[in-house]
């Protein structure tokens, strides 16, 4: 009998990061699908059921969502795992995709559920094929090292720690193990919906890659790891430069200009992320162009963000958040 590949991966993760799983309840992001089901069963093989918390997020994006939530709750009740659910109502912001909003809303909801349940860590069921799709999506939108780094094994978001122990697993082997054990799982029709680019990559592009390069998952995962290392170095330099530019209330424009366009762009992006704002490369470049023009005496500098405005105030670049506020990313 083949072992659960999720269990092998989870054992490796806990051996490499024992300090992250030593104490307190552990959250499992549980959709009821194959990946999170395999992860939940792996966790049950390592820890008692009452230490786990199955965290389910209902996006409400399809009519079957309520039924999915009910079936996920029933599965957890059968296994004796405490279950907690959050229901989302997505409000699309201008220029954002449904996928992007759903993903961000999911992390916010998972973080809130984890905090409510006392979880110091939430385990995610995203696997190696998800990583491949993320790298390909990043390539298609012309992303740099930050985007090509795709999904990290560990991250801190919305005040909560998240980990992806299954990045070394493939979707097919997880499903094969579940099928061999007779363990049921939900199949989300949105995963096959051609309206979503990720779905088309999964069903149309990845099979071609598999024929051209059977080791495509390992190859693209290595690309992601190399880009992650490059991005880490870039962010370390940006953090040093940000400290040089930082002043009470904002960034010193003269110091920022001296860095040059490329370095200033990284500093501005890091500064905005620290204040809960995300800015794409094109808009960052526009902001930096405005910053550089202040050397020729340009007084007007302003850029509107979804939750704030960046503007010049004397010698400083200042961020003003909307009165309604915006949750930190």
C-alpha atoms as a PDB file:
ATOM      1  CA  UNK A   1       0.000   0.000   0.000  1.00  0.00           C
ATOM      2  CA  UNK A   2       1.448   3.336  -1.047  1.00  0.00           C
ATOM      3  CA  UNK A   3       1.879   5.926   1.718  1.00  0.00           C
ATOM      4  CA  UNK A   4       0.007   9.206   1.628  1.00  0.00           C
ATOM      5  CA  UNK A   5       2.347  11.548  -0.310  1.00  0.00           C
ATOM      6  CA  UNK A   6       0.969  14.417   1.764  1.00  0.00           C
ATOM      7  CA  UNK A   7       2.108  12.618   4.926  1.00  0.00           C
ATOM      8  CA  UNK A   8       5.631  12.176   3.557  1.00  0.00           C
ATOM      9  CA  UNK A   9       5.739  15.871   2.665  1.00  0.00           C
ATOM     10  CA  UNK A  10       4.306  16.964   6.008  1.00  0.00           C
ATOM     11  CA  UNK A  11       6.827  14.843   7.920  1.00  0.00           C
ATOM     12  CA  UNK A  12       9.632  16.481   5.952  1.00  0.00           C
ATOM     13  CA  UNK A  13       8.234  19.938   6.673  1.00  0.00           C
ATOM     14  CA  UNK A  14       7.904  19.322  10.419  1.00  0.00           C
ATOM     15  CA  UNK A  15      11.436  17.874  10.556  1.00  0.00           C
ATOM     16  CA  UNK A  16      12.844  20.940   8.800  1.00  0.00           C
ATOM     17  CA  UNK A  17      10.725  23.462  10.770  1.00  0.00           C
ATOM     18  CA  UNK A  18      10.047  21.917  14.196  1.00  0.00           C
ATOM     19  CA  UNK A  19       9.794  25.306  15.892  1.00  0.00           C
ATOM     20  CA  UNK A  20       6.784  26.223  13.773  1.00  0.00           C
ATOM     21  CA  UNK A  21       4.638  23.264  14.750  1.00  0.00           C
ATOM     22  CA  UNK A  22       5.614  22.612  18.348  1.00  0.00           C
ATOM     23  CA  UNK A  23       2.865  24.369  20.254  1.00  0.00           C
ATOM     24  CA  UNK A  24      -0.824  25.194  20.113  1.00  0.00           C
ATOM     25  CA  UNK A  25      -3.637  24.422  17.671  1.00  0.00           C
ATOM     26  CA  UNK A  26      -2.764  23.979  13.993  1.00  0.00           C
ATOM     27  CA  UNK A  27      -5.046  25.315  11.286  1.00  0.00           C
ATOM     28  CA  UNK A  28      -5.716  23.350   8.094  1.00  0.00           C
ATOM     29  CA  UNK A  29      -7.191  25.361   5.225  1.00  0.00           C
ATOM     30  CA  UNK A  30      -9.883  22.853   4.300  1.00  0.00           C
ATOM     31  CA  UNK A  31     -11.975  23.244   1.160  1.00  0.00           C
ATOM     32  CA  UNK A  32     -13.015  19.610   1.060  1.00  0.00           C
ATOM     33  CA  UNK A  33     -11.172  19.144  -2.236  1.00  0.00           C
ATOM     34  CA  UNK A  34      -8.573  16.464  -2.880  1.00  0.00           C
ATOM     35  CA  UNK A  35      -5.505  18.456  -1.858  1.00  0.00           C
ATOM     36  CA  UNK A  36      -6.785  19.726   1.477  1.00  0.00           C
ATOM     37  CA  UNK A  37      -8.377  16.342   2.211  1.00  0.00           C
ATOM     38  CA  UNK A  38      -5.037  14.569   1.718  1.00  0.00           C
ATOM     39  CA  UNK A  39      -3.374  17.220   3.903  1.00  0.00           C
ATOM     40  CA  UNK A  40      -5.975  16.832   6.659  1.00  0.00           C
ATOM     41  CA  UNK A  41      -5.512  13.042   6.729  1.00  0.00           C
ATOM     42  CA  UNK A  42      -1.736  13.519   6.844  1.00  0.00           C
ATOM     43  CA  UNK A  43      -2.088  15.907   9.776  1.00  0.00           C
ATOM     44  CA  UNK A  44      -4.311  13.402  11.583  1.00  0.00           C
ATOM     45  CA  UNK A  45      -1.534  10.824  11.234  1.00  0.00           C
ATOM     46  CA  UNK A  46       0.861  13.146  13.072  1.00  0.00           C
ATOM     47  CA  UNK A  47      -1.307  14.955  15.627  1.00  0.00           C
ATOM     48  CA  UNK A  48      -4.480  14.273  17.623  1.00  0.00           C
ATOM     49  CA  UNK A  49      -7.674  15.507  16.000  1.00  0.00           C
ATOM     50  CA  UNK A  50      -8.421  17.983  18.803  1.00  0.00           C
ATOM     51  CA  UNK A  51      -5.171  19.820  18.136  1.00  0.00           C
ATOM     52  CA  UNK A  52      -6.277  20.532  14.558  1.00  0.00           C
ATOM     53  CA  UNK A  53      -8.705  23.162  13.308  1.00  0.00           C
ATOM     54  CA  UNK A  54     -10.246  22.785   9.850  1.00  0.00           C
ATOM     55  CA  UNK A  55     -10.756  26.308   8.475  1.00  0.00           C
ATOM     56  CA  UNK A  56     -13.201  26.628   5.579  1.00  0.00           C
ATOM     57  CA  UNK A  57     -13.781  29.754   3.491  1.00  0.00           C
ATOM     58  CA  UNK A  58     -16.971  30.012   1.448  1.00  0.00           C
ATOM     59  CA  UNK A  59     -16.382  32.521  -1.372  1.00  0.00           C
ATOM     60  CA  UNK A  60     -20.000  32.352  -2.483  1.00  0.00           C
ATOM     61  CA  UNK A  61     -18.886  32.415  -6.128  1.00  0.00           C
ATOM     62  CA  UNK A  62     -21.135  29.559  -7.213  1.00  0.00           C
ATOM     63  CA  UNK A  63     -24.481  28.064  -6.298  1.00  0.00           C
ATOM     64  CA  UNK A  64     -22.855  24.893  -4.978  1.00  0.00           C
ATOM     65  CA  UNK A  65     -20.714  26.778  -2.434  1.00  0.00           C
ATOM     66  CA  UNK A  66     -23.110  26.321   0.472  1.00  0.00           C
ATOM     67  CA  UNK A  67     -23.314  22.594  -0.258  1.00  0.00           C
ATOM     68  CA  UNK A  68     -19.528  22.368  -0.382  1.00  0.00           C
ATOM     69  CA  UNK A  69     -19.305  24.010   3.041  1.00  0.00           C
ATOM     70  CA  UNK A  70     -21.854  21.587   4.474  1.00  0.00           C
ATOM     71  CA  UNK A  71     -20.043  18.547   3.086  1.00  0.00           C
ATOM     72  CA  UNK A  72     -16.691  19.853   4.377  1.00  0.00           C
ATOM     73  CA  UNK A  73     -18.208  20.284   7.842  1.00  0.00           C
ATOM     74  CA  UNK A  74     -19.647  16.760   7.723  1.00  0.00           C
ATOM     75  CA  UNK A  75     -16.278  15.288   6.717  1.00  0.00           C
ATOM     76  CA  UNK A  76     -14.603  17.004   9.670  1.00  0.00           C
ATOM     77  CA  UNK A  77     -17.335  15.852  12.056  1.00  0.00           C
ATOM     78  CA  UNK A  78     -16.741  12.268  10.928  1.00  0.00           C
ATOM     79  CA  UNK A  79     -13.008  12.658  11.570  1.00  0.00           C
ATOM     80  CA  UNK A  80     -13.529  14.418  14.888  1.00  0.00           C
ATOM     81  CA  UNK A  81     -11.737  17.578  13.746  1.00  0.00           C
ATOM     82  CA  UNK A  82     -13.072  20.952  14.969  1.00  0.00           C
ATOM     83  CA  UNK A  83     -14.440  22.954  12.035  1.00  0.00           C
ATOM     84  CA  UNK A  84     -14.750  26.732  11.583  1.00  0.00           C
ATOM     85  CA  UNK A  85     -16.212  28.558   8.592  1.00  0.00           C
ATOM     86  CA  UNK A  86     -16.100  32.085   7.185  1.00  0.00           C
ATOM     87  CA  UNK A  87     -18.448  33.368   4.471  1.00  0.00           C
ATOM     88  CA  UNK A  88     -17.124  35.999   2.068  1.00  0.00           C
ATOM     89  CA  UNK A  89     -18.912  38.658   0.080  1.00  0.00           C
ATOM     90  CA  UNK A  90     -16.446  39.833  -2.531  1.00  0.00           C
ATOM     91  CA  UNK A  91     -16.525  43.487  -3.571  1.00  0.00           C
ATOM     92  CA  UNK A  92     -14.502  43.824  -6.757  1.00  0.00           C
ATOM     93  CA  UNK A  93     -12.250  46.866  -6.899  1.00  0.00           C
ATOM     94  CA  UNK A  94     -11.595  48.514 -10.229  1.00  0.00           C
ATOM     95  CA  UNK A  95      -8.975  46.712 -12.249  1.00  0.00           C
ATOM     96  CA  UNK A  96      -8.925  43.599 -10.053  1.00  0.00           C
ATOM     97  CA  UNK A  97      -9.842  40.114 -11.235  1.00  0.00           C
ATOM     98  CA  UNK A  98     -12.272  37.795  -9.512  1.00  0.00           C
ATOM     99  CA  UNK A  99      -9.408  35.327  -8.953  1.00  0.00           C
ATOM    100  CA  UNK A 100      -7.216  37.971  -7.323  1.00  0.00           C
ATOM    101  CA  UNK A 101      -9.985  39.220  -5.059  1.00  0.00           C
ATOM    102  CA  UNK A 102     -11.038  35.709  -4.086  1.00  0.00           C
ATOM    103  CA  UNK A 103      -7.464  34.763  -3.239  1.00  0.00           C
ATOM    104  CA  UNK A 104      -6.858  37.868  -1.133  1.00  0.00           C
ATOM    105  CA  UNK A 105     -10.233  37.529   0.576  1.00  0.00           C
ATOM    106  CA  UNK A 106      -9.456  33.899   1.368  1.00  0.00           C
ATOM    107  CA  UNK A 107      -6.181  34.760   3.117  1.00  0.00           C
ATOM    108  CA  UNK A 108      -7.839  37.491   5.146  1.00  0.00           C
ATOM    109  CA  UNK A 109     -10.645  35.149   6.170  1.00  0.00           C
ATOM    110  CA  UNK A 110      -8.257  32.309   7.016  1.00  0.00           C
ATOM    111  CA  UNK A 111      -6.159  34.653   9.144  1.00  0.00           C
ATOM    112  CA  UNK A 112      -9.231  35.810  11.071  1.00  0.00           C
ATOM    113  CA  UNK A 113     -10.414  32.236  11.587  1.00  0.00           C
ATOM    114  CA  UNK A 114      -6.953  31.162  12.730  1.00  0.00           C
ATOM    115  CA  UNK A 115      -6.755  33.991  15.246  1.00  0.00           C
ATOM    116  CA  UNK A 116     -10.239  33.191  16.535  1.00  0.00           C
ATOM    117  CA  UNK A 117      -9.260  29.537  16.975  1.00  0.00           C
ATOM    118  CA  UNK A 118      -5.895  30.307  18.574  1.00  0.00           C
ATOM    119  CA  UNK A 119      -3.868  28.838  15.685  1.00  0.00           C
ATOM    120  CA  UNK A 120      -0.305  30.051  15.322  1.00  0.00           C
ATOM    121  CA  UNK A 121       0.069  28.422  11.907  1.00  0.00           C
ATOM    122  CA  UNK A 122      -2.239  27.563   9.000  1.00  0.00           C
ATOM    123  CA  UNK A 123      -1.249  24.744   6.639  1.00  0.00           C
ATOM    124  CA  UNK A 124      -2.295  25.192   3.001  1.00  0.00           C
ATOM    125  CA  UNK A 125      -2.913  22.357   0.553  1.00  0.00           C
ATOM    126  CA  UNK A 126      -1.333  24.012  -2.491  1.00  0.00           C
ATOM    127  CA  UNK A 127       0.954  21.536  -4.258  1.00  0.00           C
ATOM    128  CA  UNK A 128       3.628  21.347  -6.922  1.00  0.00           C
ATOM    129  CA  UNK A 129       1.243  21.638  -9.846  1.00  0.00           C
ATOM    130  CA  UNK A 130      -0.243  24.786  -8.314  1.00  0.00           C
ATOM    131  CA  UNK A 131       3.309  26.132  -8.147  1.00  0.00           C
ATOM    132  CA  UNK A 132       3.864  25.360 -11.837  1.00  0.00           C
ATOM    133  CA  UNK A 133       0.670  27.206 -12.759  1.00  0.00           C
ATOM    134  CA  UNK A 134       1.720  30.207 -10.660  1.00  0.00           C
ATOM    135  CA  UNK A 135       5.103  30.399 -12.414  1.00  0.00           C
ATOM    136  CA  UNK A 136       3.463  30.169 -15.847  1.00  0.00           C
ATOM    137  CA  UNK A 137       0.905  32.840 -14.958  1.00  0.00           C
ATOM    138  CA  UNK A 138       3.738  35.098 -13.786  1.00  0.00           C
ATOM    139  CA  UNK A 139       5.636  34.529 -17.033  1.00  0.00           C
ATOM    140  CA  UNK A 140       2.576  35.383 -19.114  1.00  0.00           C
ATOM    141  CA  UNK A 141       2.057  38.695 -17.324  1.00  0.00           C
ATOM    142  CA  UNK A 142       5.739  39.627 -17.683  1.00  0.00           C
ATOM    143  CA  UNK A 143       6.564  39.405 -13.987  1.00  0.00           C
ATOM    144  CA  UNK A 144      10.040  39.883 -12.557  1.00  0.00           C
ATOM    145  CA  UNK A 145      11.778  37.778  -9.878  1.00  0.00           C
ATOM    146  CA  UNK A 146       9.170  38.615  -7.239  1.00  0.00           C
ATOM    147  CA  UNK A 147       6.340  37.226  -9.364  1.00  0.00           C
ATOM    148  CA  UNK A 148       8.350  34.291 -10.712  1.00  0.00           C
ATOM    149  CA  UNK A 149       9.224  33.255  -7.164  1.00  0.00           C
ATOM    150  CA  UNK A 150       5.553  32.174  -7.115  1.00  0.00           C
ATOM    151  CA  UNK A 151       4.349  30.652  -3.845  1.00  0.00           C
ATOM    152  CA  UNK A 152       6.785  30.485  -0.907  1.00  0.00           C
ATOM    153  CA  UNK A 153       6.778  27.481   1.387  1.00  0.00           C
ATOM    154  CA  UNK A 154       6.216  29.811   4.336  1.00  0.00           C
ATOM    155  CA  UNK A 155       4.815  33.337   4.606  1.00  0.00           C
ATOM    156  CA  UNK A 156       3.390  35.823   7.099  1.00  0.00           C
ATOM    157  CA  UNK A 157       0.184  37.521   6.001  1.00  0.00           C
ATOM    158  CA  UNK A 158      -2.561  39.464   7.764  1.00  0.00           C
ATOM    159  CA  UNK A 159      -0.907  38.784  11.097  1.00  0.00           C
ATOM    160  CA  UNK A 160      -0.888  35.011  10.563  1.00  0.00           C
ATOM    161  CA  UNK A 161       1.728  32.422   9.574  1.00  0.00           C
ATOM    162  CA  UNK A 162       0.937  30.222   6.570  1.00  0.00           C
ATOM    163  CA  UNK A 163       2.858  27.193   5.284  1.00  0.00           C
ATOM    164  CA  UNK A 164       2.659  25.096   2.125  1.00  0.00           C
ATOM    165  CA  UNK A 165       4.159  21.697   2.977  1.00  0.00           C
ATOM    166  CA  UNK A 166       2.871  19.987  -0.202  1.00  0.00           C
ATOM    167  CA  UNK A 167       4.848  21.910  -2.830  1.00  0.00           C
ATOM    168  CA  UNK A 168       6.885  18.766  -3.489  1.00  0.00           C
ATOM    169  CA  UNK A 169       3.714  16.753  -4.287  1.00  0.00           C
ATOM    170  CA  UNK A 170       1.788  16.423  -7.514  1.00  0.00           C
ATOM    171  CA  UNK A 171      -1.982  16.653  -7.835  1.00  0.00           C
ATOM    172  CA  UNK A 172      -2.288  13.251  -9.521  1.00  0.00           C
ATOM    173  CA  UNK A 173      -0.449  11.365  -6.771  1.00  0.00           C
ATOM    174  CA  UNK A 174      -2.559  12.996  -4.059  1.00  0.00           C
ATOM    175  CA  UNK A 175      -5.767  12.005  -5.827  1.00  0.00           C
ATOM    176  CA  UNK A 176      -4.467   8.518  -6.561  1.00  0.00           C
ATOM    177  CA  UNK A 177      -3.820   7.942  -2.854  1.00  0.00           C
ATOM    178  CA  UNK A 178      -7.269   9.194  -1.867  1.00  0.00           C
ATOM    179  CA  UNK A 179      -8.939   7.054  -4.532  1.00  0.00           C
ATOM    180  CA  UNK A 180      -6.928   4.023  -3.415  1.00  0.00           C
ATOM    181  CA  UNK A 181      -8.107   4.563   0.162  1.00  0.00           C
ATOM    182  CA  UNK A 182     -11.708   5.127  -0.873  1.00  0.00           C
ATOM    183  CA  UNK A 183     -11.648   8.605   0.689  1.00  0.00           C
ATOM    184  CA  UNK A 184     -14.132  10.969  -0.937  1.00  0.00           C
ATOM    185  CA  UNK A 185     -13.426  14.578  -1.799  1.00  0.00           C
ATOM    186  CA  UNK A 186     -15.160  17.479  -3.490  1.00  0.00           C
ATOM    187  CA  UNK A 187     -14.579  18.382  -7.130  1.00  0.00           C
ATOM    188  CA  UNK A 188     -14.934  22.094  -7.768  1.00  0.00           C
ATOM    189  CA  UNK A 189     -16.296  22.770 -11.302  1.00  0.00           C
ATOM    190  CA  UNK A 190     -14.567  26.162 -11.292  1.00  0.00           C
ATOM    191  CA  UNK A 191     -11.231  24.335 -11.550  1.00  0.00           C
ATOM    192  CA  UNK A 192     -12.234  23.271 -15.075  1.00  0.00           C
ATOM    193  CA  UNK A 193     -13.895  26.538 -16.088  1.00  0.00           C
ATOM    194  CA  UNK A 194     -12.104  27.929 -19.194  1.00  0.00           C
ATOM    195  CA  UNK A 195     -13.145  31.439 -18.150  1.00  0.00           C
ATOM    196  CA  UNK A 196     -10.251  31.368 -15.664  1.00  0.00           C
ATOM    197  CA  UNK A 197      -6.744  31.596 -17.072  1.00  0.00           C
ATOM    198  CA  UNK A 198      -5.303  29.279 -14.421  1.00  0.00           C
ATOM    199  CA  UNK A 199      -7.798  26.608 -15.446  1.00  0.00           C
ATOM    200  CA  UNK A 200      -6.828  26.866 -19.112  1.00  0.00           C
ATOM    201  CA  UNK A 201      -3.131  26.625 -18.207  1.00  0.00           C
ATOM    202  CA  UNK A 202      -3.870  23.501 -16.155  1.00  0.00           C
ATOM    203  CA  UNK A 203      -5.884  21.713 -18.812  1.00  0.00           C
ATOM    204  CA  UNK A 204      -4.389  22.996 -22.078  1.00  0.00           C
ATOM    205  CA  UNK A 205      -0.800  24.164 -21.529  1.00  0.00           C
ATOM    206  CA  UNK A 206       0.543  21.880 -18.798  1.00  0.00           C
ATOM    207  CA  UNK A 207      -0.196  18.632 -20.719  1.00  0.00           C
ATOM    208  CA  UNK A 208       1.899  19.987 -23.613  1.00  0.00           C
ATOM    209  CA  UNK A 209       4.734  20.868 -21.217  1.00  0.00           C
ATOM    210  CA  UNK A 210       4.561  17.376 -19.745  1.00  0.00           C
ATOM    211  CA  UNK A 211       5.148  15.895 -23.202  1.00  0.00           C
ATOM    212  CA  UNK A 212       8.045  18.253 -23.969  1.00  0.00           C
ATOM    213  CA  UNK A 213       9.687  18.056 -20.545  1.00  0.00           C
ATOM    214  CA  UNK A 214       8.539  15.253 -18.210  1.00  0.00           C
ATOM    215  CA  UNK A 215      10.408  16.877 -15.291  1.00  0.00           C
ATOM    216  CA  UNK A 216       8.646  20.207 -15.853  1.00  0.00           C
ATOM    217  CA  UNK A 217       7.418  20.424 -12.257  1.00  0.00           C
ATOM    218  CA  UNK A 218      10.915  20.125 -10.795  1.00  0.00           C
ATOM    219  CA  UNK A 219      12.379  22.449 -13.439  1.00  0.00           C
ATOM    220  CA  UNK A 220       9.852  25.237 -12.907  1.00  0.00           C
ATOM    221  CA  UNK A 221       9.993  24.809  -9.139  1.00  0.00           C
ATOM    222  CA  UNK A 222      13.753  25.304  -9.373  1.00  0.00           C
ATOM    223  CA  UNK A 223      13.143  28.488 -11.384  1.00  0.00           C
ATOM    224  CA  UNK A 224      10.798  29.689  -8.640  1.00  0.00           C
ATOM    225  CA  UNK A 225      13.388  28.915  -5.961  1.00  0.00           C
ATOM    226  CA  UNK A 226      16.148  30.783  -7.842  1.00  0.00           C
ATOM    227  CA  UNK A 227      13.885  33.790  -8.356  1.00  0.00           C
ATOM    228  CA  UNK A 228      12.924  33.702  -4.682  1.00  0.00           C
ATOM    229  CA  UNK A 229      16.613  33.854  -3.716  1.00  0.00           C
ATOM    230  CA  UNK A 230      17.181  36.769  -6.103  1.00  0.00           C
ATOM    231  CA  UNK A 231      14.123  38.559  -4.753  1.00  0.00           C
ATOM    232  CA  UNK A 232      15.311  38.064  -1.167  1.00  0.00           C
ATOM    233  CA  UNK A 233      18.605  39.766  -2.016  1.00  0.00           C
ATOM    234  CA  UNK A 234      16.765  42.594  -3.783  1.00  0.00           C
ATOM    235  CA  UNK A 235      14.481  43.128  -0.799  1.00  0.00           C
ATOM    236  CA  UNK A 236      17.418  43.127   1.620  1.00  0.00           C
ATOM    237  CA  UNK A 237      19.051  45.929  -0.389  1.00  0.00           C
ATOM    238  CA  UNK A 238      15.740  47.766  -0.652  1.00  0.00           C
ATOM    239  CA  UNK A 239      15.304  47.585   3.131  1.00  0.00           C
ATOM    240  CA  UNK A 240      18.753  49.123   3.650  1.00  0.00           C
ATOM    241  CA  UNK A 241      17.990  51.914   1.194  1.00  0.00           C
ATOM    242  CA  UNK A 242      14.562  52.484   2.708  1.00  0.00           C
ATOM    243  CA  UNK A 243      16.194  53.171   6.064  1.00  0.00           C
ATOM    244  CA  UNK A 244      18.308  55.862   4.351  1.00  0.00           C
ATOM    245  CA  UNK A 245      15.228  57.514   2.840  1.00  0.00           C
ATOM    246  CA  UNK A 246      12.832  57.198   5.772  1.00  0.00           C
ATOM    247  CA  UNK A 247      11.874  60.320   7.665  1.00  0.00           C
ATOM    248  CA  UNK A 248       9.095  60.942  10.201  1.00  0.00           C
ATOM    249  CA  UNK A 249       5.998  61.179   8.024  1.00  0.00           C
ATOM    250  CA  UNK A 250       7.362  59.875   4.726  1.00  0.00           C
ATOM    251  CA  UNK A 251      10.342  59.395   2.396  1.00  0.00           C
ATOM    252  CA  UNK A 252      12.952  62.047   1.669  1.00  0.00           C
ATOM    253  CA  UNK A 253      12.623  62.878  -2.028  1.00  0.00           C
ATOM    254  CA  UNK A 254      16.224  64.049  -2.475  1.00  0.00           C
ATOM    255  CA  UNK A 255      17.646  60.816  -1.036  1.00  0.00           C
ATOM    256  CA  UNK A 256      15.187  58.761  -3.060  1.00  0.00           C
ATOM    257  CA  UNK A 257      16.201  60.513  -6.304  1.00  0.00           C
ATOM    258  CA  UNK A 258      19.878  59.796  -5.649  1.00  0.00           C
ATOM    259  CA  UNK A 259      19.200  56.071  -5.726  1.00  0.00           C
ATOM    260  CA  UNK A 260      18.248  56.115  -9.407  1.00  0.00           C
ATOM    261  CA  UNK A 261      15.091  54.795 -10.999  1.00  0.00           C
ATOM    262  CA  UNK A 262      15.600  51.042 -10.496  1.00  0.00           C
ATOM    263  CA  UNK A 263      16.601  51.197  -6.825  1.00  0.00           C
ATOM    264  CA  UNK A 264      14.014  53.890  -6.057  1.00  0.00           C
ATOM    265  CA  UNK A 265      11.324  51.675  -7.547  1.00  0.00           C
ATOM    266  CA  UNK A 266      12.190  48.801  -5.194  1.00  0.00           C
ATOM    267  CA  UNK A 267      12.291  51.151  -2.198  1.00  0.00           C
ATOM    268  CA  UNK A 268       8.894  52.650  -3.017  1.00  0.00           C
ATOM    269  CA  UNK A 269       7.310  49.226  -3.535  1.00  0.00           C
ATOM    270  CA  UNK A 270       8.687  47.991  -0.202  1.00  0.00           C
ATOM    271  CA  UNK A 271       7.551  51.154   1.591  1.00  0.00           C
ATOM    272  CA  UNK A 272       4.044  50.794   0.198  1.00  0.00           C
ATOM    273  CA  UNK A 273       3.855  47.089   1.090  1.00  0.00           C
ATOM    274  CA  UNK A 274       4.824  47.931   4.652  1.00  0.00           C
ATOM    275  CA  UNK A 275       1.821  50.247   4.722  1.00  0.00           C
ATOM    276  CA  UNK A 276      -0.573  47.620   3.368  1.00  0.00           C
ATOM    277  CA  UNK A 277      -0.513  48.840  -0.251  1.00  0.00           C
ATOM    278  CA  UNK A 278       0.279  46.812  -3.369  1.00  0.00           C
ATOM    279  CA  UNK A 279       1.322  48.578  -6.549  1.00  0.00           C
ATOM    280  CA  UNK A 280       2.010  46.970  -9.911  1.00  0.00           C
ATOM    281  CA  UNK A 281       5.225  47.626 -11.788  1.00  0.00           C
ATOM    282  CA  UNK A 282       3.731  50.041 -14.337  1.00  0.00           C
ATOM    283  CA  UNK A 283       2.209  52.321 -11.689  1.00  0.00           C
ATOM    284  CA  UNK A 284       5.356  52.106  -9.580  1.00  0.00           C
ATOM    285  CA  UNK A 285       7.406  53.231 -12.568  1.00  0.00           C
ATOM    286  CA  UNK A 286       5.008  56.149 -13.091  1.00  0.00           C
ATOM    287  CA  UNK A 287       5.364  57.181  -9.456  1.00  0.00           C
ATOM    288  CA  UNK A 288       9.167  56.999  -9.661  1.00  0.00           C
ATOM    289  CA  UNK A 289       9.129  59.094 -12.839  1.00  0.00           C
ATOM    290  CA  UNK A 290       7.194  61.740 -10.924  1.00  0.00           C
ATOM    291  CA  UNK A 291       9.698  61.509  -8.069  1.00  0.00           C
ATOM    292  CA  UNK A 292      12.633  62.036 -10.453  1.00  0.00           C
ATOM    293  CA  UNK A 293      10.914  65.044 -12.032  1.00  0.00           C
ATOM    294  CA  UNK A 294      10.951  66.812  -8.662  1.00  0.00           C
ATOM    295  CA  UNK A 295      14.685  67.364  -9.264  1.00  0.00           C
ATOM    296  CA  UNK A 296      13.698  69.781 -12.070  1.00  0.00           C
ATOM    297  CA  UNK A 297      11.380  71.644  -9.736  1.00  0.00           C
ATOM    298  CA  UNK A 298       8.155  69.728 -10.389  1.00  0.00           C
ATOM    299  CA  UNK A 299       5.906  70.452  -7.451  1.00  0.00           C
ATOM    300  CA  UNK A 300       2.890  68.367  -8.359  1.00  0.00           C
ATOM    301  CA  UNK A 301       3.186  64.695  -7.468  1.00  0.00           C
ATOM    302  CA  UNK A 302       0.187  62.514  -6.726  1.00  0.00           C
ATOM    303  CA  UNK A 303      -0.861  58.918  -7.331  1.00  0.00           C
ATOM    304  CA  UNK A 304      -4.187  57.446  -6.301  1.00  0.00           C
ATOM    305  CA  UNK A 305      -4.176  53.934  -4.834  1.00  0.00           C
ATOM    306  CA  UNK A 306      -7.164  51.715  -3.979  1.00  0.00           C
ATOM    307  CA  UNK A 307      -7.007  52.617  -0.287  1.00  0.00           C
ATOM    308  CA  UNK A 308      -4.744  55.661  -0.148  1.00  0.00           C
ATOM    309  CA  UNK A 309      -3.019  58.502  -2.006  1.00  0.00           C
ATOM    310  CA  UNK A 310       0.708  59.130  -2.399  1.00  0.00           C
ATOM    311  CA  UNK A 311       1.675  62.772  -2.825  1.00  0.00           C
ATOM    312  CA  UNK A 312       4.488  65.266  -2.414  1.00  0.00           C
ATOM    313  CA  UNK A 313       4.463  67.435   0.670  1.00  0.00           C
ATOM    314  CA  UNK A 314       7.499  69.701   0.640  1.00  0.00           C
ATOM    315  CA  UNK A 315      10.628  67.572   0.720  1.00  0.00           C
ATOM    316  CA  UNK A 316       8.756  64.361   1.496  1.00  0.00           C
ATOM    317  CA  UNK A 317       6.825  61.660  -0.336  1.00  0.00           C
ATOM    318  CA  UNK A 318       3.834  61.020   1.924  1.00  0.00           C
ATOM    319  CA  UNK A 319       1.165  58.310   2.056  1.00  0.00           C
ATOM    320  CA  UNK A 320      -2.350  59.307   3.130  1.00  0.00           C
ATOM    321  CA  UNK A 321      -4.755  56.442   3.825  1.00  0.00           C
ATOM    322  CA  UNK A 322      -8.456  56.803   3.082  1.00  0.00           C
ATOM    323  CA  UNK A 323     -10.673  57.705   5.992  1.00  0.00           C
ATOM    324  CA  UNK A 324     -12.389  54.320   5.722  1.00  0.00           C
ATOM    325  CA  UNK A 325      -9.015  52.568   6.016  1.00  0.00           C
ATOM    326  CA  UNK A 326      -7.840  49.384   4.345  1.00  0.00           C
ATOM    327  CA  UNK A 327      -6.673  46.156   5.909  1.00  0.00           C
ATOM    328  CA  UNK A 328      -2.942  45.591   5.780  1.00  0.00           C
ATOM    329  CA  UNK A 329      -1.775  43.152   3.132  1.00  0.00           C
END
